[in-house]
Amino acid sequence: MDTQVKQRVCGLLGGIAYASTADYYNQMNQLVSKFLPGHCSRIHIVSVDIFQYIETLNNSQWAEAAEYLLEGVHQLVKSGIDFLLICSNTGHIAAPRILEYYPKLVLLHISDAVAFAIKEKKLKKVGFFGSKFAMVSSSCVVERLIQHGLEIVFPNNDDMERVHQIIVDELTINVITEESKQFYRNAMQRLYDEQQVEGIVLGCTEIPLLVKQTDLPHIPLFDSTQLHAQLAVDYQLGRYDIDSFLPPNIKKVE
């Protein structure tokens, strides 16, 4: 076992929701162990209370939501992290505020990880499933995907409401049902058939708990949690230059 390996310390801003936060932790440790047998990932976690966060979103209090998440980042920065992950797609609503307060903090954006994987497959037009706050072109995650030159398509309005309701009422508290799984599969198939998308982004970190690539083997699914965790470990171990993941005309802070 190499005892000289230096890892960057990752800060996970979690609790939004706890099930996907645990998934990040598990995946990052599995990946580090794969690359460095005998090692674990150096991770600091702050878990916020999803109830207060969801309340601000439901009341369209976007600034308040960002400030609430920033409180958790303060704790992580004080703990001595080298870079930050927000364990939520919609939670990236706080990214501009975080970087305004900590301009030199390396924040690995979830949409950069997803876009990199999509572009590697040379795809252009993809569907996007997530919370109702994320399934709009101006959302923090979709806007970033568009900056990568991707065309993003959403489910129809009826499907969108049900997709969101399952996330908030079930997946955030780790409730997995066959009925909800079948709904997601059918909604994804509808989007694939009606809009001719080339793949679908699982744009909520809880969706991969419900739907796997094996459920729709003919449609490329882009698991935002897995791709974000992979990017984090690549950066943590110094395996890749993060500039290669960023949208055109955006460069990391030195």
Protein backbone atom coordinates (compact mmCIF):
# COMPACT_ATOMS: atom_id res chain seq x y z
CA MET A 1 0.00 0.00 0.00
CA ASP A 2 1.36 3.42 -1.01
CA THR A 3 1.48 5.54 2.14
CA GLN A 4 2.81 8.60 0.27
CA VAL A 5 -0.31 9.33 -1.78
CA LYS A 6 -1.62 12.86 -1.23
CA GLN A 7 -5.33 13.36 -1.68
CA ARG A 8 -7.18 16.63 -1.90
CA VAL A 9 -9.80 16.84 0.84
CA CYS A 10 -13.36 16.79 -0.54
CA GLY A 11 -16.19 18.66 1.16
CA LEU A 12 -19.65 17.18 0.63
CA LEU A 13 -22.58 19.51 1.23
CA GLY A 14 -25.28 16.94 1.86
CA GLY A 15 -28.63 16.31 3.48
CA ILE A 16 -30.48 17.40 0.33
CA ALA A 17 -31.26 14.50 0.56
CA TYR A 18 -29.54 12.12 2.94
CA ALA A 19 -29.97 9.02 0.75
CA SER A 20 -28.02 10.49 -2.16
CA THR A 21 -25.42 11.95 0.22
CA ALA A 22 -24.73 8.43 1.45
CA ASP A 23 -24.51 7.33 -2.18
CA TYR A 24 -21.82 9.97 -2.87
CA TYR A 25 -19.84 8.83 0.16
CA ASN A 26 -20.03 5.17 -0.83
CA GLN A 27 -19.20 5.73 -4.49
CA MET A 28 -16.23 7.99 -3.79
CA ASN A 29 -14.73 5.52 -1.34
CA GLN A 30 -15.25 2.64 -3.77
CA LEU A 31 -13.54 4.57 -6.56
CA VAL A 32 -10.58 5.64 -4.43
CA SER A 33 -10.19 2.06 -3.22
CA LYS A 34 -10.21 0.89 -6.83
CA PHE A 35 -7.46 3.31 -7.88
CA LEU A 36 -5.53 3.07 -4.59
CA PRO A 37 -6.09 -0.32 -2.95
CA GLY A 38 -6.16 0.00 0.82
CA HIS A 39 -7.04 3.71 0.79
CA CYS A 40 -10.26 5.58 1.56
CA SER A 41 -11.45 8.90 0.21
CA ARG A 42 -10.64 11.94 2.36
CA ILE A 43 -14.09 13.45 2.85
CA HIS A 44 -15.62 16.01 5.18
CA ILE A 45 -19.45 16.08 5.25
CA VAL A 46 -21.91 18.70 6.43
CA SER A 47 -25.52 17.58 6.29
CA VAL A 48 -28.17 20.30 6.29
CA ASP A 49 -31.87 19.84 7.07
CA ILE A 50 -33.78 19.28 3.84
CA PHE A 51 -37.06 20.50 5.40
CA GLN A 52 -35.90 24.11 5.73
CA TYR A 53 -34.32 24.00 2.27
CA ILE A 54 -37.49 22.69 0.57
CA GLU A 55 -39.61 25.27 2.39
CA THR A 56 -37.60 28.11 0.89
CA LEU A 57 -37.82 26.59 -2.60
CA ASN A 58 -41.59 26.06 -2.35
CA ASN A 59 -41.94 29.72 -1.40
CA SER A 60 -39.69 30.81 -4.31
CA GLN A 61 -37.20 32.21 -1.79
CA TRP A 62 -34.17 31.49 -3.95
CA ALA A 63 -31.80 33.86 -2.13
CA GLU A 64 -32.81 32.40 1.24
CA ALA A 65 -32.20 28.87 -0.06
CA ALA A 66 -28.73 29.84 -1.24
CA GLU A 67 -27.90 31.50 2.09
CA TYR A 68 -29.06 28.43 3.99
CA LEU A 69 -26.76 26.17 1.97
CA LEU A 70 -23.93 28.69 2.33
CA GLU A 71 -24.12 28.18 6.11
CA GLY A 72 -23.14 24.56 5.55
CA VAL A 73 -20.29 25.59 3.26
CA HIS A 74 -18.92 27.86 5.99
CA GLN A 75 -18.55 24.79 8.22
CA LEU A 76 -16.84 22.80 5.47
CA VAL A 77 -14.38 25.57 4.62
CA LYS A 78 -13.47 25.94 8.30
CA SER A 79 -12.78 22.20 8.43
CA GLY A 80 -10.01 22.55 5.83
CA ILE A 81 -11.45 21.20 2.57
CA ASP A 82 -9.66 21.62 -0.76
CA PHE A 83 -12.73 21.45 -2.97
CA LEU A 84 -16.52 21.28 -2.71
CA LEU A 85 -19.34 19.12 -4.07
CA ILE A 86 -23.01 20.00 -3.63
CA CYS A 87 -24.77 16.64 -3.37
CA SER A 88 -27.85 17.81 -5.26
CA ASN A 89 -28.64 19.11 -8.72
CA THR A 90 -31.15 21.72 -7.56
CA GLY A 91 -28.80 22.62 -4.69
CA HIS A 92 -26.50 24.20 -7.26
CA ILE A 93 -28.81 27.19 -7.00
CA ALA A 94 -26.36 28.22 -4.28
CA ALA A 95 -23.25 27.90 -6.47
CA PRO A 96 -23.05 31.59 -7.53
CA ARG A 97 -23.48 32.76 -3.94
CA ILE A 98 -20.89 30.28 -2.66
CA LEU A 99 -18.33 31.40 -5.24
CA GLU A 100 -19.13 35.04 -4.55
CA TYR A 101 -18.28 34.46 -0.88
CA TYR A 102 -15.37 32.06 -1.56
CA PRO A 103 -14.02 33.08 -5.00
CA LYS A 104 -10.99 30.79 -4.77
CA LEU A 105 -12.88 27.71 -3.63
CA VAL A 106 -12.90 24.90 -6.21
CA LEU A 107 -16.53 23.90 -6.68
CA LEU A 108 -16.97 20.94 -9.00
CA HIS A 109 -20.25 21.60 -10.80
CA ILE A 110 -22.47 18.58 -11.32
CA SER A 111 -23.50 19.73 -14.81
CA ASP A 112 -19.88 19.81 -15.97
CA ALA A 113 -19.49 16.15 -15.02
CA VAL A 114 -22.70 15.22 -16.85
CA ALA A 115 -21.90 17.29 -19.94
CA PHE A 116 -18.44 15.76 -20.21
CA ALA A 117 -19.94 12.26 -20.32
CA ILE A 118 -22.58 13.26 -22.87
CA LYS A 119 -20.02 14.88 -25.16
CA GLU A 120 -17.74 11.85 -24.86
CA LYS A 121 -20.55 9.84 -26.48
CA LYS A 122 -20.89 12.57 -29.13
CA LEU A 123 -24.54 13.21 -28.27
CA LYS A 124 -26.25 16.56 -28.60
CA LYS A 125 -29.98 16.33 -27.75
CA VAL A 126 -30.82 14.86 -24.36
CA GLY A 127 -33.80 14.67 -22.05
CA PHE A 128 -33.65 15.91 -18.47
CA PHE A 129 -35.51 14.52 -15.46
CA GLY A 130 -35.26 16.25 -12.10
CA SER A 131 -37.17 18.40 -9.63
CA LYS A 132 -39.60 20.99 -10.99
CA PHE A 133 -37.09 23.64 -9.90
CA ALA A 134 -34.44 22.11 -12.17
CA MET A 135 -36.64 21.25 -15.19
CA VAL A 136 -36.56 24.74 -16.71
CA SER A 137 -34.06 26.15 -19.17
CA SER A 138 -32.97 28.88 -16.76
CA SER A 139 -32.26 26.54 -13.85
CA CYS A 140 -28.76 26.41 -12.41
CA VAL A 141 -28.05 22.95 -13.78
CA VAL A 142 -29.78 23.12 -17.16
CA GLU A 143 -28.35 26.53 -18.02
CA ARG A 144 -24.90 25.11 -17.38
CA LEU A 145 -25.59 22.13 -19.65
CA ILE A 146 -26.70 24.52 -22.38
CA GLN A 147 -23.41 26.42 -21.96
CA HIS A 148 -21.74 23.17 -23.02
CA GLY A 149 -23.63 23.35 -26.33
CA LEU A 150 -26.24 20.72 -25.48
CA GLU A 151 -29.93 20.76 -26.41
CA ILE A 152 -32.07 19.93 -23.36
CA VAL A 153 -35.64 18.59 -23.56
CA PHE A 154 -38.07 18.13 -20.66
CA PRO A 155 -40.99 15.74 -20.07
CA ASN A 156 -44.52 16.95 -20.81
CA ASN A 157 -46.25 18.98 -18.09
CA ASP A 158 -48.23 16.09 -16.60
CA ASP A 159 -45.18 13.86 -16.40
CA MET A 160 -43.11 16.72 -14.99
CA GLU A 161 -45.49 17.17 -12.03
CA ARG A 162 -45.44 13.47 -11.18
CA VAL A 163 -41.64 13.25 -11.59
CA HIS A 164 -41.25 16.06 -9.05
CA GLN A 165 -43.82 14.67 -6.62
CA ILE A 166 -42.07 11.28 -6.50
CA ILE A 167 -38.74 12.96 -5.80
CA VAL A 168 -40.03 15.13 -2.96
CA ASP A 169 -42.50 12.73 -1.32
CA GLU A 170 -40.63 9.46 -1.80
CA LEU A 171 -37.03 9.52 -2.99
CA THR A 172 -35.79 12.21 -0.61
CA ILE A 173 -36.78 9.94 2.29
CA ASN A 174 -35.47 6.80 0.58
CA VAL A 175 -38.89 5.34 -0.29
CA ILE A 176 -38.62 3.19 -3.42
CA THR A 177 -41.75 1.69 -4.99
CA GLU A 178 -42.32 -0.42 -8.07
CA GLU A 179 -45.20 1.85 -9.09
CA SER A 180 -42.97 4.93 -9.17
CA LYS A 181 -40.22 3.05 -10.94
CA GLN A 182 -42.65 1.99 -13.67
CA PHE A 183 -43.92 5.55 -14.03
CA TYR A 184 -40.38 6.87 -14.55
CA ARG A 185 -39.62 4.16 -17.09
CA ASN A 186 -42.80 4.98 -19.05
CA ALA A 187 -42.20 8.74 -18.90
CA MET A 188 -38.63 8.31 -20.12
CA GLN A 189 -39.78 6.09 -22.95
CA ARG A 190 -42.42 8.69 -23.93
CA LEU A 191 -39.80 11.42 -24.08
CA TYR A 192 -37.49 9.19 -26.12
CA ASP A 193 -40.27 8.30 -28.59
CA GLU A 194 -41.92 11.71 -28.90
CA GLN A 195 -38.88 14.03 -28.84
CA GLN A 196 -36.24 11.70 -30.33
CA VAL A 197 -33.75 12.47 -27.59
CA GLU A 198 -30.43 10.64 -27.79
CA GLY A 199 -30.17 10.05 -24.05
CA ILE A 200 -31.61 11.16 -20.71
CA VAL A 201 -29.98 12.94 -17.79
CA LEU A 202 -30.98 11.68 -14.36
CA GLY A 203 -30.86 15.27 -13.13
CA CYS A 204 -31.74 14.64 -9.51
CA THR A 205 -29.26 12.79 -7.33
CA GLU A 206 -32.07 10.60 -5.94
CA ILE A 207 -33.37 9.33 -9.31
CA PRO A 208 -30.54 6.77 -9.74
CA LEU A 209 -31.83 5.13 -6.56
CA LEU A 210 -35.00 4.33 -8.52
CA VAL A 211 -34.00 3.93 -12.18
CA LYS A 212 -30.91 2.12 -13.48
CA GLN A 213 -29.43 1.78 -16.96
CA THR A 214 -30.59 -1.85 -16.98
CA ASP A 215 -34.21 -0.65 -16.76
CA LEU A 216 -33.92 1.10 -20.15
CA PRO A 217 -30.92 -0.51 -21.86
CA HIS A 218 -31.73 1.07 -25.25
CA ILE A 219 -31.63 4.66 -23.92
CA PRO A 220 -28.30 6.06 -22.64
CA LEU A 221 -28.92 7.28 -19.08
CA PHE A 222 -26.55 9.78 -17.50
CA ASP A 223 -26.45 9.24 -13.74
CA SER A 224 -25.57 12.66 -12.32
CA THR A 225 -24.58 11.24 -8.94
CA GLN A 226 -22.17 8.68 -10.37
CA LEU A 227 -20.63 11.13 -12.83
CA HIS A 228 -20.21 13.81 -10.17
CA ALA A 229 -18.58 11.33 -7.78
CA GLN A 230 -16.25 10.16 -10.56
CA LEU A 231 -15.20 13.74 -11.34
CA ALA A 232 -14.61 14.36 -7.64
CA VAL A 233 -12.28 11.38 -7.30
CA ASP A 234 -10.45 12.24 -10.53
CA TYR A 235 -9.79 15.70 -9.09
CA GLN A 236 -9.08 14.40 -5.60
CA LEU A 237 -6.33 12.10 -6.89
CA GLY A 238 -4.98 14.58 -9.45
CA ARG A 239 -5.86 12.31 -12.36
CA TYR A 240 -7.36 15.00 -14.64
CA ASP A 241 -7.15 18.72 -15.25
CA ILE A 242 -10.53 20.19 -14.29
CA ASP A 243 -10.27 22.75 -17.12
CA SER A 244 -11.18 19.96 -19.54
CA PHE A 245 -14.59 19.60 -17.87
CA LEU A 246 -15.58 23.27 -17.91
CA PRO A 247 -17.85 24.96 -20.49
CA PRO A 248 -16.12 27.03 -23.18
CA ASN A 249 -14.93 30.46 -22.01
CA ILE A 250 -15.03 29.46 -18.32
CA LYS A 251 -11.75 28.88 -16.52
CA LYS A 252 -11.17 27.78 -12.97
CA VAL A 253 -9.91 30.26 -10.38
CA GLU A 254 -6.23 29.86 -9.68
